[in-house]
Amino acid sequence: MTSDSGEPKRLRDALAEVTADLGLPEPDAFQTLVANWSQLVGDDLSRHCRLRSLRDGVLRLGVDSAPRATQLRYLEGEVIARAAGLVGADVVRSVRVAVDP
């Protein structure tokens, strides 16, 4: 990739553009959420779910049972607010929960 001036772009800048084009957050945002997941939802609930992905502001989660999925859906607003405190506002705008087979 080259810049508008014809000079080669720094790899960091090129990756940032591709990441933005794909609707992905900053690379460390997802890892920060994974590392702090038990703080976001509590130890008990964190043992029953895993973070699948974060794209276009949608945090996708997999859980081990329907009751846990319902619990997380009720906590969506709190999860979004707590996530904003860790990775910034509008990085996580919604939460989608699915029961893993």
N, C-alpha and C. Protein backbone atom coordinates (compact mmCIF):
# COMPACT_ATOMS: atom_id res chain seq x y z
N MET A 1 0.84 -1.18 0.00
CA MET A 1 0.00 0.00 0.00
C MET A 1 0.88 1.24 0.00
N THR A 2 0.42 2.26 -0.65
CA THR A 2 1.14 3.52 -0.65
C THR A 2 0.22 4.62 -0.19
N SER A 3 0.83 5.67 0.32
CA SER A 3 0.05 6.82 0.76
C SER A 3 -0.30 7.67 -0.45
N ASP A 4 -1.06 8.74 -0.21
CA ASP A 4 -1.45 9.64 -1.30
C ASP A 4 -0.24 10.27 -1.97
N SER A 5 0.84 10.41 -1.23
CA SER A 5 2.05 11.03 -1.79
C SER A 5 2.90 10.03 -2.55
N GLY A 6 2.48 8.77 -2.60
CA GLY A 6 3.24 7.75 -3.31
C GLY A 6 4.26 7.04 -2.44
N GLU A 7 4.42 7.50 -1.22
CA GLU A 7 5.35 6.86 -0.29
C GLU A 7 4.71 5.60 0.28
N PRO A 8 5.51 4.59 0.57
CA PRO A 8 4.94 3.40 1.19
C PRO A 8 4.33 3.73 2.55
N LYS A 9 3.21 3.09 2.86
CA LYS A 9 2.57 3.29 4.16
C LYS A 9 3.25 2.40 5.19
N ARG A 10 3.24 2.88 6.41
CA ARG A 10 3.73 2.04 7.50
C ARG A 10 2.75 0.90 7.68
N LEU A 11 3.26 -0.26 8.04
CA LEU A 11 2.42 -1.43 8.22
C LEU A 11 1.32 -1.16 9.24
N ARG A 12 1.65 -0.48 10.31
CA ARG A 12 0.66 -0.16 11.34
C ARG A 12 -0.50 0.64 10.76
N ASP A 13 -0.20 1.62 9.91
CA ASP A 13 -1.25 2.45 9.31
C ASP A 13 -2.10 1.63 8.33
N ALA A 14 -1.44 0.77 7.55
CA ALA A 14 -2.17 -0.07 6.60
C ALA A 14 -3.10 -1.04 7.33
N LEU A 15 -2.62 -1.64 8.40
CA LEU A 15 -3.46 -2.55 9.18
C LEU A 15 -4.62 -1.83 9.84
N ALA A 16 -4.39 -0.62 10.30
CA ALA A 16 -5.47 0.16 10.90
C ALA A 16 -6.57 0.44 9.88
N GLU A 17 -6.19 0.73 8.64
CA GLU A 17 -7.18 0.98 7.59
C GLU A 17 -7.98 -0.28 7.27
N VAL A 18 -7.28 -1.41 7.15
CA VAL A 18 -7.96 -2.67 6.85
C VAL A 18 -8.89 -3.05 7.99
N THR A 19 -8.43 -2.90 9.20
CA THR A 19 -9.24 -3.20 10.38
C THR A 19 -10.51 -2.37 10.37
N ALA A 20 -10.38 -1.08 10.12
CA ALA A 20 -11.55 -0.20 10.07
C ALA A 20 -12.49 -0.59 8.94
N ASP A 21 -11.93 -0.92 7.76
CA ASP A 21 -12.76 -1.31 6.62
C ASP A 21 -13.56 -2.58 6.92
N LEU A 22 -13.00 -3.48 7.72
CA LEU A 22 -13.68 -4.73 8.06
C LEU A 22 -14.63 -4.59 9.24
N GLY A 23 -14.67 -3.42 9.85
CA GLY A 23 -15.55 -3.21 11.00
C GLY A 23 -15.03 -3.81 12.28
N LEU A 24 -13.73 -4.06 12.33
CA LEU A 24 -13.13 -4.65 13.52
C LEU A 24 -12.66 -3.57 14.47
N PRO A 25 -12.64 -3.85 15.76
CA PRO A 25 -12.14 -2.87 16.73
C PRO A 25 -10.62 -2.84 16.71
N GLU A 26 -10.05 -1.96 17.48
CA GLU A 26 -8.60 -1.96 17.66
C GLU A 26 -8.19 -3.36 18.10
N PRO A 27 -7.05 -3.85 17.66
CA PRO A 27 -6.66 -5.23 17.96
C PRO A 27 -6.66 -5.59 19.43
N ASP A 28 -6.32 -4.67 20.28
CA ASP A 28 -6.25 -5.02 21.70
C ASP A 28 -7.59 -4.92 22.42
N ALA A 29 -8.63 -4.39 21.79
CA ALA A 29 -9.93 -4.25 22.46
C ALA A 29 -10.53 -5.60 22.80
N PHE A 30 -10.54 -6.52 21.84
CA PHE A 30 -11.11 -7.84 22.10
C PHE A 30 -10.31 -8.57 23.17
N GLN A 31 -9.00 -8.49 23.08
CA GLN A 31 -8.15 -9.16 24.08
C GLN A 31 -8.35 -8.57 25.47
N THR A 32 -8.57 -7.27 25.54
CA THR A 32 -8.84 -6.62 26.83
C THR A 32 -10.15 -7.15 27.41
N LEU A 33 -11.16 -7.31 26.57
CA LEU A 33 -12.44 -7.85 27.05
C LEU A 33 -12.28 -9.30 27.52
N VAL A 34 -11.54 -10.09 26.76
CA VAL A 34 -11.32 -11.49 27.16
C VAL A 34 -10.60 -11.54 28.50
N ALA A 35 -9.55 -10.75 28.64
CA ALA A 35 -8.75 -10.76 29.88
C ALA A 35 -9.54 -10.30 31.09
N ASN A 36 -10.54 -9.46 30.89
CA ASN A 36 -11.31 -8.89 32.00
C ASN A 36 -12.75 -9.38 32.05
N TRP A 37 -13.04 -10.47 31.35
CA TRP A 37 -14.41 -10.93 31.22
C TRP A 37 -15.06 -11.22 32.57
N SER A 38 -14.34 -11.86 33.48
CA SER A 38 -14.95 -12.18 34.78
C SER A 38 -15.29 -10.92 35.57
N GLN A 39 -14.55 -9.84 35.37
CA GLN A 39 -14.87 -8.57 36.02
C GLN A 39 -16.12 -7.94 35.40
N LEU A 40 -16.33 -8.18 34.11
CA LEU A 40 -17.49 -7.59 33.43
C LEU A 40 -18.80 -8.27 33.82
N VAL A 41 -18.78 -9.60 33.94
CA VAL A 41 -20.04 -10.32 34.18
C VAL A 41 -20.05 -11.12 35.48
N GLY A 42 -18.96 -11.14 36.19
CA GLY A 42 -18.87 -11.91 37.43
C GLY A 42 -18.27 -13.29 37.19
N ASP A 43 -17.65 -13.83 38.23
CA ASP A 43 -16.97 -15.11 38.12
C ASP A 43 -17.89 -16.25 37.72
N ASP A 44 -19.06 -16.33 38.34
CA ASP A 44 -19.97 -17.44 38.05
C ASP A 44 -20.41 -17.44 36.59
N LEU A 45 -20.89 -16.32 36.12
CA LEU A 45 -21.39 -16.25 34.75
C LEU A 45 -20.26 -16.40 33.74
N SER A 46 -19.09 -15.87 34.04
CA SER A 46 -17.97 -15.95 33.09
C SER A 46 -17.52 -17.39 32.85
N ARG A 47 -17.75 -18.28 33.80
CA ARG A 47 -17.38 -19.69 33.62
C ARG A 47 -18.32 -20.41 32.65
N HIS A 48 -19.46 -19.82 32.36
CA HIS A 48 -20.45 -20.47 31.51
C HIS A 48 -20.57 -19.85 30.12
N CYS A 49 -19.72 -18.89 29.82
CA CYS A 49 -19.80 -18.27 28.50
C CYS A 49 -18.41 -17.90 28.00
N ARG A 50 -18.31 -17.73 26.70
CA ARG A 50 -17.04 -17.32 26.11
C ARG A 50 -17.29 -16.25 25.06
N LEU A 51 -16.33 -15.40 24.90
CA LEU A 51 -16.42 -14.36 23.89
C LEU A 51 -16.01 -14.96 22.56
N ARG A 52 -16.87 -14.80 21.56
CA ARG A 52 -16.58 -15.34 20.23
C ARG A 52 -15.91 -14.30 19.34
N SER A 53 -16.50 -13.11 19.29
CA SER A 53 -15.95 -12.10 18.39
C SER A 53 -16.49 -10.72 18.75
N LEU A 54 -15.84 -9.72 18.18
CA LEU A 54 -16.28 -8.33 18.30
C LEU A 54 -16.10 -7.71 16.93
N ARG A 55 -17.22 -7.35 16.31
CA ARG A 55 -17.16 -6.78 14.96
C ARG A 55 -18.33 -5.82 14.78
N ASP A 56 -18.03 -4.66 14.20
CA ASP A 56 -19.05 -3.63 13.96
C ASP A 56 -19.82 -3.29 15.23
N GLY A 57 -19.13 -3.31 16.36
CA GLY A 57 -19.75 -2.95 17.62
C GLY A 57 -20.59 -4.03 18.26
N VAL A 58 -20.63 -5.21 17.66
CA VAL A 58 -21.44 -6.32 18.18
C VAL A 58 -20.51 -7.33 18.84
N LEU A 59 -20.72 -7.53 20.13
CA LEU A 59 -19.97 -8.53 20.88
C LEU A 59 -20.77 -9.82 20.86
N ARG A 60 -20.19 -10.85 20.27
CA ARG A 60 -20.88 -12.14 20.16
C ARG A 60 -20.35 -13.09 21.23
N LEU A 61 -21.29 -13.72 21.93
CA LEU A 61 -20.96 -14.61 23.03
C LEU A 61 -21.58 -15.98 22.81
N GLY A 62 -20.90 -17.01 23.29
CA GLY A 62 -21.44 -18.36 23.32
C GLY A 62 -21.62 -18.78 24.76
N VAL A 63 -22.76 -19.38 25.09
CA VAL A 63 -23.03 -19.82 26.46
C VAL A 63 -23.38 -21.30 26.45
N ASP A 64 -23.33 -21.91 27.63
CA ASP A 64 -23.56 -23.34 27.72
C ASP A 64 -25.01 -23.74 27.98
N SER A 65 -25.89 -22.78 28.20
CA SER A 65 -27.30 -23.13 28.44
C SER A 65 -28.22 -21.95 28.13
N ALA A 66 -29.47 -22.28 27.87
CA ALA A 66 -30.46 -21.24 27.57
C ALA A 66 -30.68 -20.29 28.75
N PRO A 67 -30.73 -20.79 30.00
CA PRO A 67 -30.89 -19.85 31.11
C PRO A 67 -29.75 -18.84 31.21
N ARG A 68 -28.53 -19.27 30.92
CA ARG A 68 -27.39 -18.34 30.94
C ARG A 68 -27.52 -17.32 29.81
N ALA A 69 -28.01 -17.76 28.67
CA ALA A 69 -28.22 -16.84 27.54
C ALA A 69 -29.23 -15.76 27.93
N THR A 70 -30.31 -16.17 28.57
CA THR A 70 -31.33 -15.21 29.02
C THR A 70 -30.74 -14.24 30.02
N GLN A 71 -29.95 -14.76 30.95
CA GLN A 71 -29.31 -13.92 31.96
C GLN A 71 -28.43 -12.86 31.30
N LEU A 72 -27.64 -13.26 30.33
CA LEU A 72 -26.76 -12.31 29.64
C LEU A 72 -27.55 -11.29 28.84
N ARG A 73 -28.65 -11.71 28.25
CA ARG A 73 -29.47 -10.76 27.49
C ARG A 73 -30.04 -9.67 28.42
N TYR A 74 -30.43 -10.07 29.63
CA TYR A 74 -30.90 -9.08 30.60
C TYR A 74 -29.79 -8.14 31.05
N LEU A 75 -28.57 -8.63 31.04
CA LEU A 75 -27.43 -7.83 31.49
C LEU A 75 -26.77 -7.03 30.36
N GLU A 76 -27.34 -7.05 29.17
CA GLU A 76 -26.71 -6.42 28.02
C GLU A 76 -26.30 -4.97 28.28
N GLY A 77 -27.18 -4.18 28.83
CA GLY A 77 -26.86 -2.77 29.09
C GLY A 77 -25.69 -2.61 30.04
N GLU A 78 -25.65 -3.44 31.08
CA GLU A 78 -24.54 -3.39 32.03
C GLU A 78 -23.23 -3.83 31.38
N VAL A 79 -23.30 -4.88 30.57
CA VAL A 79 -22.10 -5.36 29.88
C VAL A 79 -21.55 -4.28 28.96
N ILE A 80 -22.42 -3.61 28.23
CA ILE A 80 -21.99 -2.54 27.32
C ILE A 80 -21.35 -1.40 28.11
N ALA A 81 -21.98 -1.01 29.20
CA ALA A 81 -21.44 0.09 30.02
C ALA A 81 -20.09 -0.28 30.62
N ARG A 82 -19.97 -1.49 31.14
CA ARG A 82 -18.69 -1.91 31.73
C ARG A 82 -17.62 -2.05 30.66
N ALA A 83 -18.00 -2.54 29.50
CA ALA A 83 -17.04 -2.67 28.39
C ALA A 83 -16.55 -1.29 27.97
N ALA A 84 -17.43 -0.32 27.96
CA ALA A 84 -17.03 1.05 27.59
C ALA A 84 -15.97 1.58 28.54
N GLY A 85 -16.07 1.21 29.80
CA GLY A 85 -15.06 1.63 30.77
C GLY A 85 -13.70 1.02 30.50
N LEU A 86 -13.68 -0.14 29.86
CA LEU A 86 -12.42 -0.82 29.57
C LEU A 86 -11.83 -0.47 28.21
N VAL A 87 -12.68 -0.44 27.18
CA VAL A 87 -12.16 -0.29 25.82
C VAL A 87 -12.65 0.96 25.10
N GLY A 88 -13.45 1.77 25.78
CA GLY A 88 -13.93 3.01 25.18
C GLY A 88 -15.37 2.91 24.72
N ALA A 89 -15.99 4.07 24.66
CA ALA A 89 -17.39 4.15 24.25
C ALA A 89 -17.54 3.74 22.80
N ASP A 90 -18.65 3.13 22.48
CA ASP A 90 -19.03 2.71 21.12
C ASP A 90 -18.20 1.58 20.54
N VAL A 91 -17.26 1.01 21.29
CA VAL A 91 -16.55 -0.17 20.79
C VAL A 91 -17.51 -1.36 20.85
N VAL A 92 -18.24 -1.48 21.97
CA VAL A 92 -19.30 -2.49 22.10
C VAL A 92 -20.61 -1.74 22.18
N ARG A 93 -21.46 -1.94 21.15
CA ARG A 93 -22.75 -1.26 21.11
C ARG A 93 -23.92 -2.21 21.34
N SER A 94 -23.69 -3.50 21.14
CA SER A 94 -24.73 -4.49 21.39
C SER A 94 -24.07 -5.84 21.68
N VAL A 95 -24.87 -6.73 22.26
CA VAL A 95 -24.40 -8.06 22.62
C VAL A 95 -25.34 -9.07 22.00
N ARG A 96 -24.77 -10.06 21.34
CA ARG A 96 -25.56 -11.16 20.77
C ARG A 96 -25.12 -12.44 21.46
N VAL A 97 -26.10 -13.19 21.95
CA VAL A 97 -25.81 -14.41 22.71
C VAL A 97 -26.40 -15.60 22.00
N ALA A 98 -25.61 -16.67 21.91
CA ALA A 98 -26.09 -17.93 21.33
C ALA A 98 -25.68 -19.08 22.23
N VAL A 99 -26.54 -20.09 22.30
CA VAL A 99 -26.23 -21.28 23.08
C VAL A 99 -25.35 -22.18 22.23
N ASP A 100 -24.19 -22.56 22.78
CA ASP A 100 -23.29 -23.46 22.08
C ASP A 100 -23.82 -24.88 22.19
N PRO A 101 -23.68 -25.63 21.11
CA PRO A 101 -24.14 -27.02 21.15
C PRO A 101 -23.26 -27.87 22.06
